[in-house]
Amino acid sequence: MACQGPNLHPRFYAAGDVYSSAHRMQGFNAVEVVSDFDGDTFRAVYTTKFEDAVYVLHCFQKKSKKGVSTPKPDIDLIKLRLRDAETLYKASKKHGKKN
């Protein structure tokens, strides 16, 4: 495996189907897991940026049949949630709490 995605759990399943692919998203520290099932595409994005925490940033069904790229509104939401995760992580470290 080229990325850390499958290391979170030995296998990702969608109704018995093993995950299709996992890759690093360009532009920020996140991994996207893509799974196809019954003609639909599902995606989950998480970050392993933090030493002792994993934050799931977004899970969604890709609706567009055009192209394979993640839609811009979803990218914007992922970036916002990554900033929020950074804030939460820093606050938890400041107060000595584990996530």
PDB file of N, CA and C in Angstrom:
ATOM      1  N   MET A   1       0.838  -1.182   0.000  1.00  0.00           N
ATOM      2  CA  MET A   1       0.000   0.000   0.000  1.00  0.00           C
ATOM      3  C   MET A   1       0.887   1.251   0.000  1.00  0.00           C
ATOM      4  N   ALA A   2       0.505   2.215  -0.773  1.00  0.00           N
ATOM      5  CA  ALA A   2       1.313   3.416  -0.927  1.00  0.00           C
ATOM      6  C   ALA A   2       1.012   4.470   0.123  1.00  0.00           C
ATOM      7  N   CYS A   3      -0.096   4.363   0.813  1.00  0.00           N
ATOM      8  CA  CYS A   3      -0.436   5.392   1.801  1.00  0.00           C
ATOM      9  C   CYS A   3      -0.906   4.742   3.095  1.00  0.00           C
ATOM     10  N   GLN A   4      -1.207   5.564   4.076  1.00  0.00           N
ATOM     11  CA  GLN A   4      -1.555   5.072   5.404  1.00  0.00           C
ATOM     12  C   GLN A   4      -3.011   4.663   5.547  1.00  0.00           C
ATOM     13  N   GLY A   5      -3.845   4.927   4.587  1.00  0.00           N
ATOM     14  CA  GLY A   5      -5.280   4.663   4.702  1.00  0.00           C
ATOM     15  C   GLY A   5      -5.627   3.302   5.266  1.00  0.00           C
ATOM     16  N   PRO A   6      -5.167   2.230   4.664  1.00  0.00           N
ATOM     17  CA  PRO A   6      -5.528   0.903   5.156  1.00  0.00           C
ATOM     18  C   PRO A   6      -4.962   0.581   6.531  1.00  0.00           C
ATOM     19  N   ASN A   7      -4.001   1.348   7.008  1.00  0.00           N
ATOM     20  CA  ASN A   7      -3.413   1.070   8.315  1.00  0.00           C
ATOM     21  C   ASN A   7      -4.330   1.429   9.473  1.00  0.00           C
ATOM     22  N   LEU A   8      -5.354   2.236   9.226  1.00  0.00           N
ATOM     23  CA  LEU A   8      -6.307   2.550  10.286  1.00  0.00           C
ATOM     24  C   LEU A   8      -7.056   1.302  10.726  1.00  0.00           C
ATOM     25  N   HIS A   9      -7.415   0.486   9.813  1.00  0.00           N
ATOM     26  CA  HIS A   9      -8.154  -0.727  10.060  1.00  0.00           C
ATOM     27  C   HIS A   9      -7.672  -1.711   9.000  1.00  0.00           C
ATOM     28  N   PRO A  10      -7.557  -2.986   9.327  1.00  0.00           N
ATOM     29  CA  PRO A  10      -7.020  -3.920   8.348  1.00  0.00           C
ATOM     30  C   PRO A  10      -7.725  -3.866   6.990  1.00  0.00           C
ATOM     31  N   ARG A  11      -9.023  -3.646   6.993  1.00  0.00           N
ATOM     32  CA  ARG A  11      -9.776  -3.563   5.737  1.00  0.00           C
ATOM     33  C   ARG A  11     -10.960  -2.634   5.917  1.00  0.00           C
ATOM     34  N   PHE A  12     -11.250  -1.901   4.861  1.00  0.00           N
ATOM     35  CA  PHE A  12     -12.467  -1.095   4.822  1.00  0.00           C
ATOM     36  C   PHE A  12     -13.495  -1.895   4.046  1.00  0.00           C
ATOM     37  N   TYR A  13     -14.703  -1.981   4.565  1.00  0.00           N
ATOM     38  CA  TYR A  13     -15.750  -2.739   3.903  1.00  0.00           C
ATOM     39  C   TYR A  13     -16.931  -1.839   3.589  1.00  0.00           C
ATOM     40  N   ALA A  14     -17.534  -2.064   2.456  1.00  0.00           N
ATOM     41  CA  ALA A  14     -18.804  -1.446   2.088  1.00  0.00           C
ATOM     42  C   ALA A  14     -19.671  -2.608   1.612  1.00  0.00           C
ATOM     43  N   ALA A  15     -20.551  -3.045   2.462  1.00  0.00           N
ATOM     44  CA  ALA A  15     -21.416  -4.192   2.169  1.00  0.00           C
ATOM     45  C   ALA A  15     -20.606  -5.397   1.689  1.00  0.00           C
ATOM     46  N   GLY A  16     -19.492  -5.671   2.377  1.00  0.00           N
ATOM     47  CA  GLY A  16     -18.674  -6.828   2.063  1.00  0.00           C
ATOM     48  C   GLY A  16     -17.594  -6.592   1.023  1.00  0.00           C
ATOM     49  N   ASP A  17     -17.582  -5.420   0.405  1.00  0.00           N
ATOM     50  CA  ASP A  17     -16.585  -5.114  -0.619  1.00  0.00           C
ATOM     51  C   ASP A  17     -15.380  -4.440   0.028  1.00  0.00           C
ATOM     52  N   VAL A  18     -14.178  -4.927  -0.251  1.00  0.00           N
ATOM     53  CA  VAL A  18     -12.964  -4.321   0.284  1.00  0.00           C
ATOM     54  C   VAL A  18     -12.778  -2.967  -0.397  1.00  0.00           C
ATOM     55  N   TYR A  19     -12.216  -1.992   0.331  1.00  0.00           N
ATOM     56  CA  TYR A  19     -12.032  -0.645  -0.208  1.00  0.00           C
ATOM     57  C   TYR A  19     -11.388  -0.694  -1.584  1.00  0.00           C
ATOM     58  N   SER A  20     -11.699   0.306  -2.401  1.00  0.00           N
ATOM     59  CA  SER A  20     -11.151   0.369  -3.747  1.00  0.00           C
ATOM     60  C   SER A  20      -9.776   1.010  -3.764  1.00  0.00           C
ATOM     61  N   SER A  21      -9.635   2.144  -3.110  1.00  0.00           N
ATOM     62  CA  SER A  21      -8.336   2.815  -3.119  1.00  0.00           C
ATOM     63  C   SER A  21      -8.252   3.813  -1.976  1.00  0.00           C
ATOM     64  N   ALA A  22      -7.032   4.137  -1.617  1.00  0.00           N
ATOM     65  CA  ALA A  22      -6.766   5.164  -0.614  1.00  0.00           C
ATOM     66  C   ALA A  22      -5.552   5.935  -1.099  1.00  0.00           C
ATOM     67  N   HIS A  23      -5.640   7.264  -1.030  1.00  0.00           N
ATOM     68  CA  HIS A  23      -4.520   8.072  -1.495  1.00  0.00           C
ATOM     69  C   HIS A  23      -4.458   9.394  -0.747  1.00  0.00           C
ATOM     70  N   ARG A  24      -3.285   9.975  -0.734  1.00  0.00           N
ATOM     71  CA  ARG A  24      -3.114  11.289  -0.113  1.00  0.00           C
ATOM     72  C   ARG A  24      -3.748  12.336  -1.006  1.00  0.00           C
ATOM     73  N   MET A  25      -4.436  13.274  -0.381  1.00  0.00           N
ATOM     74  CA  MET A  25      -5.028  14.379  -1.139  1.00  0.00           C
ATOM     75  C   MET A  25      -3.982  15.468  -1.322  1.00  0.00           C
ATOM     76  N   GLN A  26      -3.875  15.990  -2.513  1.00  0.00           N
ATOM     77  CA  GLN A  26      -2.894  17.029  -2.798  1.00  0.00           C
ATOM     78  C   GLN A  26      -3.312  18.343  -2.148  1.00  0.00           C
ATOM     79  N   GLY A  27      -2.341  19.065  -1.610  1.00  0.00           N
ATOM     80  CA  GLY A  27      -2.596  20.394  -1.086  1.00  0.00           C
ATOM     81  C   GLY A  27      -2.745  20.474   0.423  1.00  0.00           C
ATOM     82  N   PHE A  28      -3.050  19.357   1.076  1.00  0.00           N
ATOM     83  CA  PHE A  28      -3.138  19.363   2.531  1.00  0.00           C
ATOM     84  C   PHE A  28      -2.993  17.951   3.055  1.00  0.00           C
ATOM     85  N   ASN A  29      -2.752  17.821   4.349  1.00  0.00           N
ATOM     86  CA  ASN A  29      -2.421  16.539   4.967  1.00  0.00           C
ATOM     87  C   ASN A  29      -3.682  15.733   5.260  1.00  0.00           C
ATOM     88  N   ALA A  30      -4.172  15.025   4.253  1.00  0.00           N
ATOM     89  CA  ALA A  30      -5.362  14.205   4.421  1.00  0.00           C
ATOM     90  C   ALA A  30      -5.278  13.007   3.484  1.00  0.00           C
ATOM     91  N   VAL A  31      -5.978  11.943   3.857  1.00  0.00           N
ATOM     92  CA  VAL A  31      -6.055  10.730   3.057  1.00  0.00           C
ATOM     93  C   VAL A  31      -7.509  10.532   2.666  1.00  0.00           C
ATOM     94  N   GLU A  32      -7.731  10.182   1.407  1.00  0.00           N
ATOM     95  CA  GLU A  32      -9.088   9.922   0.926  1.00  0.00           C
ATOM     96  C   GLU A  32      -9.212   8.446   0.585  1.00  0.00           C
ATOM     97  N   VAL A  33     -10.220   7.803   1.144  1.00  0.00           N
ATOM     98  CA  VAL A  33     -10.535   6.409   0.846  1.00  0.00           C
ATOM     99  C   VAL A  33     -11.747   6.429  -0.073  1.00  0.00           C
ATOM    100  N   VAL A  34     -11.633   5.753  -1.208  1.00  0.00           N
ATOM    101  CA  VAL A  34     -12.703   5.731  -2.201  1.00  0.00           C
ATOM    102  C   VAL A  34     -13.192   4.297  -2.332  1.00  0.00           C
ATOM    103  N   SER A  35     -14.513   4.117  -2.265  1.00  0.00           N
ATOM    104  CA  SER A  35     -15.094   2.790  -2.393  1.00  0.00           C
ATOM    105  C   SER A  35     -16.277   2.850  -3.348  1.00  0.00           C
ATOM    106  N   ASP A  36     -16.307   1.942  -4.303  1.00  0.00           N
ATOM    107  CA  ASP A  36     -17.415   1.842  -5.247  1.00  0.00           C
ATOM    108  C   ASP A  36     -18.318   0.694  -4.818  1.00  0.00           C
ATOM    109  N   PHE A  37     -19.632   0.951  -4.857  1.00  0.00           N
ATOM    110  CA  PHE A  37     -20.581  -0.093  -4.499  1.00  0.00           C
ATOM    111  C   PHE A  37     -21.867   0.113  -5.284  1.00  0.00           C
ATOM    112  N   ASP A  38     -22.294  -0.899  -5.969  1.00  0.00           N
ATOM    113  CA  ASP A  38     -23.580  -0.902  -6.662  1.00  0.00           C
ATOM    114  C   ASP A  38     -23.722   0.308  -7.596  1.00  0.00           C
ATOM    115  N   GLY A  39     -22.649   0.662  -8.279  1.00  0.00           N
ATOM    116  CA  GLY A  39     -22.683   1.769  -9.229  1.00  0.00           C
ATOM    117  C   GLY A  39     -22.489   3.147  -8.626  1.00  0.00           C
ATOM    118  N   ASP A  40     -22.334   3.229  -7.319  1.00  0.00           N
ATOM    119  CA  ASP A  40     -22.133   4.511  -6.635  1.00  0.00           C
ATOM    120  C   ASP A  40     -20.717   4.579  -6.066  1.00  0.00           C
ATOM    121  N   THR A  41     -20.237   5.802  -5.841  1.00  0.00           N
ATOM    122  CA  THR A  41     -18.908   6.007  -5.268  1.00  0.00           C
ATOM    123  C   THR A  41     -19.037   6.702  -3.924  1.00  0.00           C
ATOM    124  N   PHE A  42     -18.381   6.149  -2.921  1.00  0.00           N
ATOM    125  CA  PHE A  42     -18.401   6.710  -1.575  1.00  0.00           C
ATOM    126  C   PHE A  42     -16.980   7.077  -1.187  1.00  0.00           C
ATOM    127  N   ARG A  43     -16.844   8.187  -0.451  1.00  0.00           N
ATOM    128  CA  ARG A  43     -15.517   8.655  -0.052  1.00  0.00           C
ATOM    129  C   ARG A  43     -15.503   9.017   1.420  1.00  0.00           C
ATOM    130  N   ALA A  44     -14.367   8.769   2.038  1.00  0.00           N
ATOM    131  CA  ALA A  44     -14.129   9.185   3.422  1.00  0.00           C
ATOM    132  C   ALA A  44     -12.758   9.844   3.443  1.00  0.00           C
ATOM    133  N   VAL A  45     -12.650  10.972   4.150  1.00  0.00           N
ATOM    134  CA  VAL A  45     -11.393  11.710   4.216  1.00  0.00           C
ATOM    135  C   VAL A  45     -11.023  11.867   5.681  1.00  0.00           C
ATOM    136  N   TYR A  46      -9.771  11.550   6.001  1.00  0.00           N
ATOM    137  CA  TYR A  46      -9.299  11.701   7.368  1.00  0.00           C
ATOM    138  C   TYR A  46      -7.887  12.250   7.364  1.00  0.00           C
ATOM    139  N   THR A  47      -7.438  12.704   8.526  1.00  0.00           N
ATOM    140  CA  THR A  47      -6.072  13.183   8.651  1.00  0.00           C
ATOM    141  C   THR A  47      -5.342  12.421   9.747  1.00  0.00           C
ATOM    142  N   THR A  48      -4.079  12.129   9.472  1.00  0.00           N
ATOM    143  CA  THR A  48      -3.197  11.523  10.459  1.00  0.00           C
ATOM    144  C   THR A  48      -2.080  12.509  10.781  1.00  0.00           C
ATOM    145  N   LYS A  49      -2.370  13.764  10.602  1.00  0.00           N
ATOM    146  CA  LYS A  49      -1.389  14.833  10.796  1.00  0.00           C
ATOM    147  C   LYS A  49      -0.893  14.900  12.240  1.00  0.00           C
ATOM    148  N   PHE A  50      -1.710  14.476  13.163  1.00  0.00           N
ATOM    149  CA  PHE A  50      -1.419  14.639  14.580  1.00  0.00           C
ATOM    150  C   PHE A  50      -0.832  13.359  15.155  1.00  0.00           C
ATOM    151  N   GLU A  51       0.096  13.529  16.056  1.00  0.00           N
ATOM    152  CA  GLU A  51       0.871  12.417  16.602  1.00  0.00           C
ATOM    153  C   GLU A  51       0.010  11.312  17.214  1.00  0.00           C
ATOM    154  N   ASP A  52      -1.011  11.672  17.965  1.00  0.00           N
ATOM    155  CA  ASP A  52      -1.769  10.672  18.708  1.00  0.00           C
ATOM    156  C   ASP A  52      -3.278  10.772  18.484  1.00  0.00           C
ATOM    157  N   ALA A  53      -3.668  11.256  17.309  1.00  0.00           N
ATOM    158  CA  ALA A  53      -5.099  11.387  17.019  1.00  0.00           C
ATOM    159  C   ALA A  53      -5.342  11.245  15.522  1.00  0.00           C
ATOM    160  N   VAL A  54      -6.502  10.693  15.189  1.00  0.00           N
ATOM    161  CA  VAL A  54      -6.969  10.638  13.807  1.00  0.00           C
ATOM    162  C   VAL A  54      -8.313  11.334  13.781  1.00  0.00           C
ATOM    163  N   TYR A  55      -8.457  12.285  12.889  1.00  0.00           N
ATOM    164  CA  TYR A  55      -9.719  13.006  12.744  1.00  0.00           C
ATOM    165  C   TYR A  55     -10.350  12.653  11.400  1.00  0.00           C
ATOM    166  N   VAL A  56     -11.582  12.170  11.429  1.00  0.00           N
ATOM    167  CA  VAL A  56     -12.345  11.958  10.201  1.00  0.00           C
ATOM    168  C   VAL A  56     -12.923  13.313   9.831  1.00  0.00           C
ATOM    169  N   LEU A  57     -12.587  13.789   8.642  1.00  0.00           N
ATOM    170  CA  LEU A  57     -12.965  15.137   8.235  1.00  0.00           C
ATOM    171  C   LEU A  57     -14.258  15.176   7.435  1.00  0.00           C
ATOM    172  N   HIS A  58     -14.530  14.126   6.667  1.00  0.00           N
ATOM    173  CA  HIS A  58     -15.724  14.161   5.824  1.00  0.00           C
ATOM    174  C   HIS A  58     -15.977  12.774   5.252  1.00  0.00           C
ATOM    175  N   CYS A  59     -17.245  12.382   5.161  1.00  0.00           N
ATOM    176  CA  CYS A  59     -17.669  11.160   4.479  1.00  0.00           C
ATOM    177  C   CYS A  59     -18.841  11.529   3.590  1.00  0.00           C
ATOM    178  N   PHE A  60     -18.815  11.065   2.347  1.00  0.00           N
ATOM    179  CA  PHE A  60     -19.886  11.460   1.437  1.00  0.00           C
ATOM    180  C   PHE A  60     -19.976  10.511   0.252  1.00  0.00           C
ATOM    181  N   GLN A  61     -21.115  10.605  -0.440  1.00  0.00           N
ATOM    182  CA  GLN A  61     -21.317   9.879  -1.682  1.00  0.00           C
ATOM    183  C   GLN A  61     -21.068  10.855  -2.815  1.00  0.00           C
ATOM    184  N   LYS A  62     -20.190  10.498  -3.729  1.00  0.00           N
ATOM    185  CA  LYS A  62     -19.909  11.370  -4.870  1.00  0.00           C
ATOM    186  C   LYS A  62     -21.063  11.232  -5.846  1.00  0.00           C
ATOM    187  N   LYS A  63     -21.712  12.353  -6.147  1.00  0.00           N
ATOM    188  CA  LYS A  63     -22.903  12.343  -6.992  1.00  0.00           C
ATOM    189  C   LYS A  63     -22.585  12.567  -8.466  1.00  0.00           C
ATOM    190  N   SER A  64     -21.587  13.407  -8.743  1.00  0.00           N
ATOM    191  CA  SER A  64     -21.277  13.774 -10.122  1.00  0.00           C
ATOM    192  C   SER A  64     -20.727  12.584 -10.895  1.00  0.00           C
ATOM    193  N   LYS A  65     -21.179  12.423 -12.100  1.00  0.00           N
ATOM    194  CA  LYS A  65     -20.673  11.362 -12.966  1.00  0.00           C
ATOM    195  C   LYS A  65     -19.516  11.863 -13.829  1.00  0.00           C
ATOM    196  N   LYS A  66     -19.223  13.176 -13.722  1.00  0.00           N
ATOM    197  CA  LYS A  66     -18.147  13.778 -14.510  1.00  0.00           C
ATOM    198  C   LYS A  66     -16.842  13.734 -13.730  1.00  0.00           C
ATOM    199  N   GLY A  67     -15.847  13.080 -14.292  1.00  0.00           N
ATOM    200  CA  GLY A  67     -14.522  13.088 -13.679  1.00  0.00           C
ATOM    201  C   GLY A  67     -14.441  12.296 -12.386  1.00  0.00           C
ATOM    202  N   VAL A  68     -13.203  12.197 -11.885  1.00  0.00           N
ATOM    203  CA  VAL A  68     -12.973  11.446 -10.658  1.00  0.00           C
ATOM    204  C   VAL A  68     -12.565  12.346  -9.498  1.00  0.00           C
ATOM    205  N   SER A  69     -12.376  13.628  -9.773  1.00  0.00           N
ATOM    206  CA  SER A  69     -11.898  14.526  -8.723  1.00  0.00           C
ATOM    207  C   SER A  69     -12.989  14.789  -7.683  1.00  0.00           C
ATOM    208  N   THR A  70     -12.537  15.131  -6.494  1.00  0.00           N
ATOM    209  CA  THR A  70     -13.445  15.475  -5.408  1.00  0.00           C
ATOM    210  C   THR A  70     -14.031  16.855  -5.691  1.00  0.00           C
ATOM    211  N   PRO A  71     -15.365  17.009  -5.609  1.00  0.00           N
ATOM    212  CA  PRO A  71     -15.996  18.302  -5.908  1.00  0.00           C
ATOM    213  C   PRO A  71     -15.491  19.423  -4.992  1.00  0.00           C
ATOM    214  N   LYS A  72     -15.406  20.642  -5.551  1.00  0.00           N
ATOM    215  CA  LYS A  72     -14.882  21.791  -4.816  1.00  0.00           C
ATOM    216  C   LYS A  72     -15.617  22.052  -3.502  1.00  0.00           C
ATOM    217  N   PRO A  73     -16.959  22.003  -3.449  1.00  0.00           N
ATOM    218  CA  PRO A  73     -17.624  22.233  -2.152  1.00  0.00           C
ATOM    219  C   PRO A  73     -17.163  21.239  -1.078  1.00  0.00           C
ATOM    220  N   ASP A  74     -16.896  19.997  -1.471  1.00  0.00           N
ATOM    221  CA  ASP A  74     -16.402  19.002  -0.518  1.00  0.00           C
ATOM    222  C   ASP A  74     -14.962  19.313  -0.111  1.00  0.00           C
ATOM    223  N   ILE A  75     -14.134  19.747  -1.052  1.00  0.00           N
ATOM    224  CA  ILE A  75     -12.750  20.140  -0.739  1.00  0.00           C
ATOM    225  C   ILE A  75     -12.754  21.298   0.255  1.00  0.00           C
ATOM    226  N   ASP A  76     -13.606  22.294   0.006  1.00  0.00           N
ATOM    227  CA  ASP A  76     -13.686  23.453   0.907  1.00  0.00           C
ATOM    228  C   ASP A  76     -14.095  23.030   2.314  1.00  0.00           C
ATOM    229  N   LEU A  77     -15.069  22.128   2.414  1.00  0.00           N
ATOM    230  CA  LEU A  77     -15.522  21.642   3.719  1.00  0.00           C
ATOM    231  C   LEU A  77     -14.411  20.856   4.421  1.00  0.00           C
ATOM    232  N   ILE A  78     -13.684  20.046   3.677  1.00  0.00           N
ATOM    233  CA  ILE A  78     -12.574  19.273   4.250  1.00  0.00           C
ATOM    234  C   ILE A  78     -11.502  20.212   4.796  1.00  0.00           C
ATOM    235  N   LYS A  79     -11.153  21.249   4.038  1.00  0.00           N
ATOM    236  CA  LYS A  79     -10.144  22.211   4.495  1.00  0.00           C
ATOM    237  C   LYS A  79     -10.605  22.926   5.763  1.00  0.00           C
ATOM    238  N   LEU A  80     -11.869  23.310   5.816  1.00  0.00           N
ATOM    239  CA  LEU A  80     -12.418  23.965   7.007  1.00  0.00           C
ATOM    240  C   LEU A  80     -12.351  23.028   8.212  1.00  0.00           C
ATOM    241  N   ARG A  81     -12.737  21.794   8.011  1.00  0.00           N
ATOM    242  CA  ARG A  81     -12.717  20.828   9.118  1.00  0.00           C
ATOM    243  C   ARG A  81     -11.289  20.485   9.546  1.00  0.00           C
ATOM    244  N   LEU A  82     -10.342  20.511   8.618  1.00  0.00           N
ATOM    245  CA  LEU A  82      -8.949  20.289   8.992  1.00  0.00           C
ATOM    246  C   LEU A  82      -8.455  21.424   9.879  1.00  0.00           C
ATOM    247  N   ARG A  83      -8.810  22.660   9.539  1.00  0.00           N
ATOM    248  CA  ARG A  83      -8.443  23.804  10.400  1.00  0.00           C
ATOM    249  C   ARG A  83      -9.083  23.658  11.778  1.00  0.00           C
ATOM    250  N   ASP A  84     -10.346  23.239  11.810  1.00  0.00           N
ATOM    251  CA  ASP A  84     -11.026  23.016  13.097  1.00  0.00           C
ATOM    252  C   ASP A  84     -10.340  21.911  13.894  1.00  0.00           C
ATOM    253  N   ALA A  85      -9.932  20.843  13.218  1.00  0.00           N
ATOM    254  CA  ALA A  85      -9.237  19.741  13.892  1.00  0.00           C
ATOM    255  C   ALA A  85      -7.913  20.226  14.479  1.00  0.00           C
ATOM    256  N   GLU A  86      -7.194  21.071  13.755  1.00  0.00           N
ATOM    257  CA  GLU A  86      -5.941  21.628  14.264  1.00  0.00           C
ATOM    258  C   GLU A  86      -6.188  22.442  15.525  1.00  0.00           C
ATOM    259  N   THR A  87      -7.241  23.248  15.510  1.00  0.00           N
ATOM    260  CA  THR A  87      -7.591  24.061  16.678  1.00  0.00           C
ATOM    261  C   THR A  87      -7.936  23.171  17.867  1.00  0.00           C
ATOM    262  N   LEU A  88      -8.764  22.163  17.636  1.00  0.00           N
ATOM    263  CA  LEU A  88      -9.154  21.243  18.719  1.00  0.00           C
ATOM    264  C   LEU A  88      -7.953  20.486  19.267  1.00  0.00           C
ATOM    265  N   TYR A  89      -7.086  20.042  18.370  1.00  0.00           N
ATOM    266  CA  TYR A  89      -5.911  19.287  18.797  1.00  0.00           C
ATOM    267  C   TYR A  89      -4.988  20.155  19.646  1.00  0.00           C
ATOM    268  N   LYS A  90      -4.725  21.362  19.189  1.00  0.00           N
ATOM    269  CA  LYS A  90      -3.864  22.277  19.950  1.00  0.00           C
ATOM    270  C   LYS A  90      -4.463  22.582  21.315  1.00  0.00           C
ATOM    271  N   ALA A  91      -5.780  22.792  21.365  1.00  0.00           N
ATOM    272  CA  ALA A  91      -6.448  23.076  22.641  1.00  0.00           C
ATOM    273  C   ALA A  91      -6.350  21.875  23.576  1.00  0.00           C
ATOM    274  N   SER A  92      -6.500  20.671  23.035  1.00  0.00           N
ATOM    275  CA  SER A  92      -6.427  19.482  23.890  1.00  0.00           C
ATOM    276  C   SER A  92      -5.010  19.294  24.426  1.00  0.00           C
ATOM    277  N   LYS A  93      -4.016  19.603  23.620  1.00  0.00           N
ATOM    278  CA  LYS A  93      -2.627  19.500  24.074  1.00  0.00           C
ATOM    279  C   LYS A  93      -2.314  20.550  25.134  1.00  0.00           C
ATOM    280  N   LYS A  94      -2.855  21.730  24.934  1.00  0.00           N
ATOM    281  CA  LYS A  94      -2.641  22.823  25.883  1.00  0.00           C
ATOM    282  C   LYS A  94      -3.186  22.468  27.271  1.00  0.00           C
ATOM    283  N   HIS A  95      -4.297  21.741  27.274  1.00  0.00           N
ATOM    284  CA  HIS A  95      -4.952  21.373  28.523  1.00  0.00           C
ATOM    285  C   HIS A  95      -4.575  19.966  28.979  1.00  0.00           C
ATOM    286  N   GLY A  96      -3.645  19.346  28.253  1.00  0.00           N
ATOM    287  CA  GLY A  96      -3.144  18.028  28.660  1.00  0.00           C
ATOM    288  C   GLY A  96      -4.110  16.894  28.485  1.00  0.00           C
ATOM    289  N   LYS A  97      -5.083  17.042  27.574  1.00  0.00           N
ATOM    290  CA  LYS A  97      -6.082  16.002  27.341  1.00  0.00           C
ATOM    291  C   LYS A  97      -5.729  15.208  26.109  1.00  0.00           C
ATOM    292  N   LYS A  98      -6.120  13.940  26.131  1.00  0.00           N
ATOM    293  CA  LYS A  98      -5.992  13.089  24.946  1.00  0.00           C
ATOM    294  C   LYS A  98      -7.280  13.220  24.136  1.00  0.00           C
ATOM    295  N   ASN A  99      -7.161  13.096  22.814  1.00  0.00           N
ATOM    296  CA  ASN A  99      -8.339  13.146  21.925  1.00  0.00           C
ATOM    297  C   ASN A  99      -9.031  11.827  21.888  1.00  0.00           C
TER     298      ASN A  99
END
